[in-house]
Each structure stands twice: as structure tokens, then as C-alpha cells.
Amino acid sequence: MWANNGGHNRQPESWWIGHKGYIEGRVGLPNGGQRRVKQHRWVMELHLGRRLSPHDDVHHLNGVRTDNRIENLQL
């Protein structure tokens, strides 16, 4: 059923809950590639219009790790 087709069966974006309770996933890049991100960091990158550095911390104001509304996130 699952063929070794170089990842061509993957969705451009797919999300799951990781072992620490954050929503994680793969997102498509403009060059056709993919990268793995935590969704709250991805939402903040889209909001800011730039990629976050590894030293940028994104906090959930209400403490709920799956609540990734921009109004609940703080850089």
C-alpha cells in the first residue's frame, strides 16, 4: 500500500501533537521543499513576515500549548 516514492505521497502541510504537547508538522516551502516546525512558531513567522531565529522564543499566554491563535502568542 505505501510505496517508496521519495515522499510524493506527503501532504504539503500535515500536523500532529508531539510528545511535549505542542502541535508540530511539516510545511511546504516556496522552493518545493519542506521543513518541520512547531505550529506556534510557524504562526508567529507568518504574522511577522520573517523566519524566526533559534533564539526567538514564542510563548503561549494562556499556557495552552495547542492554542496557537496569534492573540495568544508572544515573542
C-alpha atoms as a PDB file:
ATOM      1  CA  MET A   1       0.000   0.000   0.000  1.00  0.00           C
ATOM      2  CA  TRP A   2       2.754   2.512   0.874  1.00  0.00           C
ATOM      3  CA  ALA A   3       5.275   2.823  -1.900  1.00  0.00           C
ATOM      4  CA  ASN A   4       8.806   4.099  -1.527  1.00  0.00           C
ATOM      5  CA  ASN A   5       8.198   7.061  -3.810  1.00  0.00           C
ATOM      6  CA  GLY A   6      10.503   9.668  -2.356  1.00  0.00           C
ATOM      7  CA  GLY A   7       7.823  11.337  -0.239  1.00  0.00           C
ATOM      8  CA  HIS A   8       5.492  12.166  -3.122  1.00  0.00           C
ATOM      9  CA  ASN A   9       2.539  10.885  -1.086  1.00  0.00           C
ATOM     10  CA  ARG A  10       3.077  13.554   1.608  1.00  0.00           C
ATOM     11  CA  GLN A  11       0.712  16.459   2.033  1.00  0.00           C
ATOM     12  CA  PRO A  12       2.264  19.963   1.702  1.00  0.00           C
ATOM     13  CA  GLU A  13       1.194  20.570   5.303  1.00  0.00           C
ATOM     14  CA  SER A  14       0.438  17.935   7.902  1.00  0.00           C
ATOM     15  CA  TRP A  15       0.119  18.415  11.667  1.00  0.00           C
ATOM     16  CA  TRP A  16       0.219  16.202  14.770  1.00  0.00           C
ATOM     17  CA  ILE A  17       0.622  16.635  18.530  1.00  0.00           C
ATOM     18  CA  GLY A  18       4.175  15.904  19.640  1.00  0.00           C
ATOM     19  CA  HIS A  19       5.243  14.175  22.835  1.00  0.00           C
ATOM     20  CA  LYS A  20       5.581  17.521  24.708  1.00  0.00           C
ATOM     21  CA  GLY A  21       2.045  18.607  23.802  1.00  0.00           C
ATOM     22  CA  TYR A  22       2.869  21.108  21.039  1.00  0.00           C
ATOM     23  CA  ILE A  23       1.315  20.882  17.584  1.00  0.00           C
ATOM     24  CA  GLU A  24       4.157  20.011  15.191  1.00  0.00           C
ATOM     25  CA  GLY A  25       4.232  19.410  11.492  1.00  0.00           C
ATOM     26  CA  ARG A  26       5.720  19.747   8.048  1.00  0.00           C
ATOM     27  CA  VAL A  27       5.156  22.873   5.987  1.00  0.00           C
ATOM     28  CA  GLY A  28       5.831  23.442   2.327  1.00  0.00           C
ATOM     29  CA  LEU A  29       8.470  25.937   1.256  1.00  0.00           C
ATOM     30  CA  PRO A  30       8.426  28.182  -1.831  1.00  0.00           C
ATOM     31  CA  ASN A  31      11.259  26.151  -3.396  1.00  0.00           C
ATOM     32  CA  GLY A  32       9.133  22.990  -3.236  1.00  0.00           C
ATOM     33  CA  GLY A  33      10.876  21.564  -0.191  1.00  0.00           C
ATOM     34  CA  GLN A  34       9.520  21.025   3.290  1.00  0.00           C
ATOM     35  CA  ARG A  35      10.632  21.749   6.812  1.00  0.00           C
ATOM     36  CA  ARG A  36       9.448  20.562  10.190  1.00  0.00           C
ATOM     37  CA  VAL A  37       8.192  23.221  12.632  1.00  0.00           C
ATOM     38  CA  LYS A  38       6.156  23.692  15.758  1.00  0.00           C
ATOM     39  CA  GLN A  39       2.883  25.314  14.748  1.00  0.00           C
ATOM     40  CA  HIS A  40       3.096  28.216  17.226  1.00  0.00           C
ATOM     41  CA  ARG A  41       6.463  29.231  15.754  1.00  0.00           C
ATOM     42  CA  TRP A  42       5.091  28.897  12.207  1.00  0.00           C
ATOM     43  CA  VAL A  43       2.083  31.108  13.073  1.00  0.00           C
ATOM     44  CA  MET A  44       4.430  33.747  14.535  1.00  0.00           C
ATOM     45  CA  GLU A  45       6.676  33.601  11.425  1.00  0.00           C
ATOM     46  CA  LEU A  46       3.662  34.171   9.179  1.00  0.00           C
ATOM     47  CA  HIS A  47       2.498  37.051  11.394  1.00  0.00           C
ATOM     48  CA  LEU A  48       5.925  38.742  11.418  1.00  0.00           C
ATOM     49  CA  GLY A  49       6.679  38.012   7.772  1.00  0.00           C
ATOM     50  CA  ARG A  50      10.107  36.581   8.586  1.00  0.00           C
ATOM     51  CA  ARG A  51      11.689  33.379   9.763  1.00  0.00           C
ATOM     52  CA  LEU A  52      12.397  33.146  13.493  1.00  0.00           C
ATOM     53  CA  SER A  53      15.931  32.646  14.727  1.00  0.00           C
ATOM     54  CA  PRO A  54      16.668  29.682  17.022  1.00  0.00           C
ATOM     55  CA  HIS A  55      16.993  32.197  19.911  1.00  0.00           C
ATOM     56  CA  ASP A  56      13.469  33.606  19.412  1.00  0.00           C
ATOM     57  CA  ASP A  57      11.036  32.213  21.997  1.00  0.00           C
ATOM     58  CA  VAL A  58       7.297  32.131  21.348  1.00  0.00           C
ATOM     59  CA  HIS A  59       5.171  31.846  24.490  1.00  0.00           C
ATOM     60  CA  HIS A  60       1.538  30.795  24.887  1.00  0.00           C
ATOM     61  CA  LEU A  61      -0.020  33.486  27.103  1.00  0.00           C
ATOM     62  CA  ASN A  62      -2.753  31.205  28.472  1.00  0.00           C
ATOM     63  CA  GLY A  63      -0.389  28.224  28.883  1.00  0.00           C
ATOM     64  CA  VAL A  64      -2.340  26.003  26.488  1.00  0.00           C
ATOM     65  CA  ARG A  65       0.219  24.551  24.071  1.00  0.00           C
ATOM     66  CA  THR A  66      -2.352  23.794  21.384  1.00  0.00           C
ATOM     67  CA  ASP A  67      -3.932  27.292  21.375  1.00  0.00           C
ATOM     68  CA  ASN A  68      -1.978  28.871  18.527  1.00  0.00           C
ATOM     69  CA  ARG A  69      -4.150  31.915  17.862  1.00  0.00           C
ATOM     70  CA  ILE A  70      -1.873  34.911  17.229  1.00  0.00           C
ATOM     71  CA  GLU A  71      -3.536  36.839  20.083  1.00  0.00           C
ATOM     72  CA  ASN A  72      -2.416  34.052  22.449  1.00  0.00           C
ATOM     73  CA  LEU A  73       1.223  34.126  21.289  1.00  0.00           C
ATOM     74  CA  GLN A  74       4.019  36.410  22.453  1.00  0.00           C
ATOM     75  CA  LEU A  75       7.530  36.665  21.036  1.00  0.00           C
END
